Protein backbone atom coordinates (compact mmCIF):
# COMPACT_ATOMS: atom_id res chain seq x y z
CA MET A 1 -4.56 -39.29 -30.44
CA ASP A 2 -5.75 -42.20 -32.57
CA LYS A 3 -4.14 -41.63 -35.98
CA ASN A 4 -6.49 -44.13 -37.67
CA HIS A 5 -9.58 -42.37 -36.43
CA ALA A 6 -12.21 -42.06 -39.16
CA THR A 7 -14.09 -38.86 -39.77
CA PHE A 8 -17.63 -38.81 -38.50
CA GLU A 9 -19.82 -40.33 -41.20
CA ASN A 10 -22.84 -38.10 -40.51
CA PHE A 11 -21.23 -34.86 -39.38
CA GLN A 12 -23.75 -32.87 -41.44
CA LEU A 13 -26.45 -34.00 -38.96
CA LEU A 14 -24.62 -32.02 -36.33
CA GLU A 15 -23.70 -29.06 -38.54
CA GLU A 16 -27.36 -28.46 -39.37
CA ARG A 17 -28.18 -28.09 -35.67
CA LEU A 18 -25.26 -25.92 -34.53
CA ILE A 19 -27.09 -22.64 -34.93
CA PRO A 20 -26.95 -19.39 -32.90
CA SER A 21 -28.66 -19.46 -29.49
CA SER A 22 -28.62 -23.26 -29.30
CA SER A 23 -27.42 -25.66 -26.60
CA HIS A 24 -26.31 -29.25 -27.16
CA LEU A 25 -25.52 -32.17 -24.89
CA PHE A 26 -23.13 -34.83 -26.19
CA PHE A 27 -22.90 -38.25 -24.57
CA TYR A 28 -19.74 -40.18 -25.31
CA GLU A 29 -17.99 -43.38 -24.30
CA ASN A 30 -14.59 -42.81 -25.88
CA ALA A 31 -12.62 -39.70 -24.87
CA PHE A 32 -10.50 -39.78 -28.04
CA SER A 33 -13.61 -39.73 -30.23
CA LYS A 34 -14.81 -36.74 -28.19
CA ILE A 35 -11.56 -34.87 -28.83
CA LYS A 36 -11.66 -35.70 -32.55
CA LEU A 37 -15.24 -34.42 -32.77
CA ILE A 38 -14.29 -31.23 -30.92
CA GLN A 39 -11.48 -30.71 -33.40
CA GLU A 40 -13.85 -31.13 -36.36
CA ILE A 41 -16.47 -28.81 -34.86
CA THR A 42 -14.02 -26.03 -34.00
CA LEU A 43 -12.29 -26.11 -37.37
CA LYS A 44 -15.61 -25.70 -39.19
CA GLN A 45 -16.91 -22.86 -36.98
CA ASN A 46 -16.34 -19.16 -37.63
CA LEU A 47 -17.07 -18.19 -34.03
CA PRO A 48 -14.32 -17.65 -31.47
CA VAL A 49 -14.12 -20.63 -29.11
CA LEU A 50 -14.41 -20.51 -25.32
CA TYR A 51 -13.36 -23.88 -23.96
CA LEU A 52 -13.92 -24.80 -20.32
CA ASP A 53 -11.80 -27.92 -19.78
CA LEU A 54 -12.64 -29.69 -16.55
CA ASP A 55 -11.23 -33.12 -17.39
CA LEU A 56 -7.96 -31.63 -18.73
CA LEU A 57 -7.54 -34.01 -21.70
CA PHE A 58 -8.12 -31.30 -24.30
CA SER A 59 -5.76 -28.90 -22.48
CA GLY A 60 -3.02 -31.49 -22.73
CA TYR A 61 -3.45 -31.76 -26.50
CA VAL A 62 -3.47 -27.97 -26.92
CA LYS A 63 -0.50 -27.29 -24.63
CA SER A 64 1.57 -30.01 -26.30
CA LYS A 65 0.58 -28.55 -29.70
CA ILE A 66 -0.94 -31.81 -30.92
CA LEU A 67 -4.10 -29.75 -31.53
CA THR A 68 -4.15 -26.18 -32.72
CA ILE A 69 -7.49 -24.43 -32.69
CA PRO A 70 -7.62 -20.88 -34.09
CA ASN A 71 -9.28 -18.19 -31.98
CA LEU A 72 -9.36 -20.39 -28.84
CA THR A 73 -9.62 -19.17 -25.27
CA LEU A 74 -8.92 -22.10 -22.94
CA PHE A 75 -10.06 -22.16 -19.31
CA SER A 76 -9.21 -24.91 -16.85
CA THR A 77 -9.46 -25.47 -13.14
CA LEU A 78 -5.67 -25.87 -13.03
CA ASP A 79 -5.40 -22.12 -13.60
CA SER A 80 -8.52 -20.80 -11.82
CA LYS A 81 -11.46 -21.88 -9.73
CA ILE A 82 -14.82 -22.40 -11.43
CA ASN A 83 -16.27 -19.35 -9.66
CA GLU A 84 -13.49 -17.22 -11.24
CA ILE A 85 -13.88 -18.73 -14.72
CA LEU A 86 -17.64 -18.33 -15.19
CA PRO A 87 -17.72 -14.51 -14.89
CA LYS A 88 -14.96 -14.31 -17.52
CA ILE A 89 -17.01 -16.47 -19.88
CA PHE A 90 -20.19 -14.46 -19.28
CA THR A 91 -18.31 -11.21 -19.89
CA LYS A 92 -16.97 -12.49 -23.22
CA LEU A 93 -20.48 -13.59 -24.22
CA THR A 94 -21.79 -10.05 -23.71
CA ILE A 95 -19.23 -8.71 -26.18
CA GLU A 96 -19.72 -11.11 -29.09
CA PRO A 97 -21.15 -14.56 -29.93
CA HIS A 98 -18.91 -17.57 -29.22
CA LEU A 99 -18.84 -21.31 -29.51
CA VAL A 100 -18.72 -22.40 -25.86
CA ILE A 101 -17.50 -25.92 -25.15
CA PHE A 102 -18.10 -27.23 -21.64
CA ASP A 103 -15.98 -30.33 -21.10
CA SER A 104 -17.40 -32.03 -19.06
CA ILE A 105 -20.26 -32.54 -16.61
CA ASN A 106 -18.20 -35.35 -15.09
CA GLY A 107 -15.28 -32.98 -14.52
CA LEU A 108 -17.58 -30.40 -12.93
CA TYR A 109 -18.88 -32.98 -10.47
CA ASN A 110 -15.28 -33.92 -9.66
CA THR A 111 -14.38 -30.26 -9.17
CA LEU A 112 -17.33 -29.79 -6.80
CA SER A 113 -17.03 -33.18 -5.09
CA ASN A 114 -16.52 -31.62 -1.63
CA ASP A 115 -19.76 -29.63 -1.92
CA ALA A 116 -22.70 -31.48 -0.34
CA ASP A 117 -25.08 -29.76 -2.77
CA SER A 118 -23.02 -30.39 -5.92
CA GLY A 119 -25.98 -31.71 -7.94
CA ARG A 120 -27.93 -28.47 -7.63
CA LEU A 121 -24.82 -26.41 -8.27
CA VAL A 122 -23.99 -28.36 -11.45
CA ASN A 123 -27.55 -27.93 -12.76
CA ALA A 124 -27.57 -24.22 -11.86
CA ILE A 125 -24.28 -23.62 -13.69
CA LEU A 126 -25.49 -25.45 -16.80
CA MET A 127 -28.84 -23.62 -16.83
CA LEU A 128 -27.08 -20.27 -16.38
CA LEU A 129 -24.74 -21.05 -19.26
CA ALA A 130 -27.60 -22.15 -21.51
CA LYS A 131 -29.60 -19.00 -20.76
CA ASN A 132 -26.62 -16.74 -21.47
CA ILE A 133 -26.04 -18.59 -24.74
CA SER A 134 -29.58 -17.82 -25.88
CA PHE A 135 -29.15 -14.11 -25.10
CA SER A 136 -25.80 -13.81 -26.86
CA SER A 137 -26.55 -15.76 -30.07
CA SER A 138 -23.78 -18.17 -29.12
CA ILE A 139 -23.62 -21.96 -29.33
CA LEU A 140 -23.13 -24.18 -26.29
CA ILE A 141 -21.80 -27.73 -26.40
CA ILE A 142 -21.74 -29.75 -23.17
CA PHE A 143 -20.03 -33.13 -22.96
CA ALA A 144 -20.84 -35.96 -20.56
CA LEU A 145 -19.38 -39.42 -20.19
CA ALA A 146 -22.66 -41.22 -19.55
CA GLY A 147 -24.74 -44.23 -20.42
CA LYS A 148 -28.42 -45.07 -20.78
CA LYS A 149 -30.09 -46.75 -17.83
CA GLU A 150 -33.83 -47.40 -18.08
CA ASN A 151 -34.27 -44.58 -20.66
CA ASP A 152 -32.38 -42.04 -18.52
CA TRP A 153 -28.85 -40.76 -19.07
CA VAL A 154 -26.73 -41.56 -16.02
CA LEU A 155 -23.17 -40.53 -15.19
CA PRO A 156 -20.70 -43.15 -13.90
CA ASN A 157 -21.12 -41.67 -10.39
CA GLY A 158 -24.81 -42.69 -10.55
CA ARG A 159 -26.19 -39.17 -10.98
CA GLN A 160 -28.96 -38.76 -13.52
CA ILE A 161 -28.63 -35.98 -16.07
CA LEU A 162 -31.68 -33.77 -15.98
CA GLU A 163 -33.65 -33.72 -19.20
CA ASN A 164 -34.34 -30.34 -20.75
CA ALA A 165 -36.32 -29.75 -23.93
CA GLU A 166 -33.99 -26.84 -24.81
CA LEU A 167 -30.94 -29.10 -25.01
CA LYS A 168 -30.49 -31.07 -28.21
CA LYS A 169 -28.97 -34.45 -27.35
CA PHE A 170 -26.40 -36.35 -29.38
CA THR A 171 -24.55 -39.59 -28.86
CA ILE A 172 -21.07 -40.24 -30.20
CA SER A 173 -20.88 -43.95 -30.84
CA ASP A 174 -18.74 -46.59 -32.52
CA ARG A 175 -15.96 -44.04 -33.02
CA SER A 176 -17.40 -42.54 -36.19
CA LYS A 177 -21.13 -42.04 -35.84
CA ILE A 178 -23.20 -39.20 -34.39
CA THR A 179 -26.78 -39.98 -33.36
CA PHE A 180 -29.37 -37.29 -32.72
CA GLU A 181 -31.78 -38.05 -29.91
CA LYS A 182 -35.21 -36.47 -30.33
């Protein structure tokens, strides 16, 4: 991980919005900035963390002990299939509130790449997660490696990310700044 990485200059912007029953979508360009932000968020939260790692970068940091996150439950598609992981997450959400980190939409598309209807399945999974978050007083953070194209957020595979008024959108830019998109 980048040892010279600065702390996020406006982290309080994010902290003010991470409230129970809320869902957040983070767009990033630099995976190391994403990991650093995740580390800052998890260390400042009191909630237990459910982390669904679909791009496996975070898992590597945790398993090599470069990152230690207290009260972390880590799920990855190396250990289980997505249809085995989701019921475990939903069960934990019924017991107590959690900080749920979904990393990432890109990884989910890759996981479901053989499914002809992957777009609908991705959207259904994300909507189901967001709805369960609102019922359980949990917090959901979804990451996506994406860029703006004609005012729409688009993944590198060309798929547009559906806009949802319930999701608060943030951009992690220039390695130390968080921007809130209204």
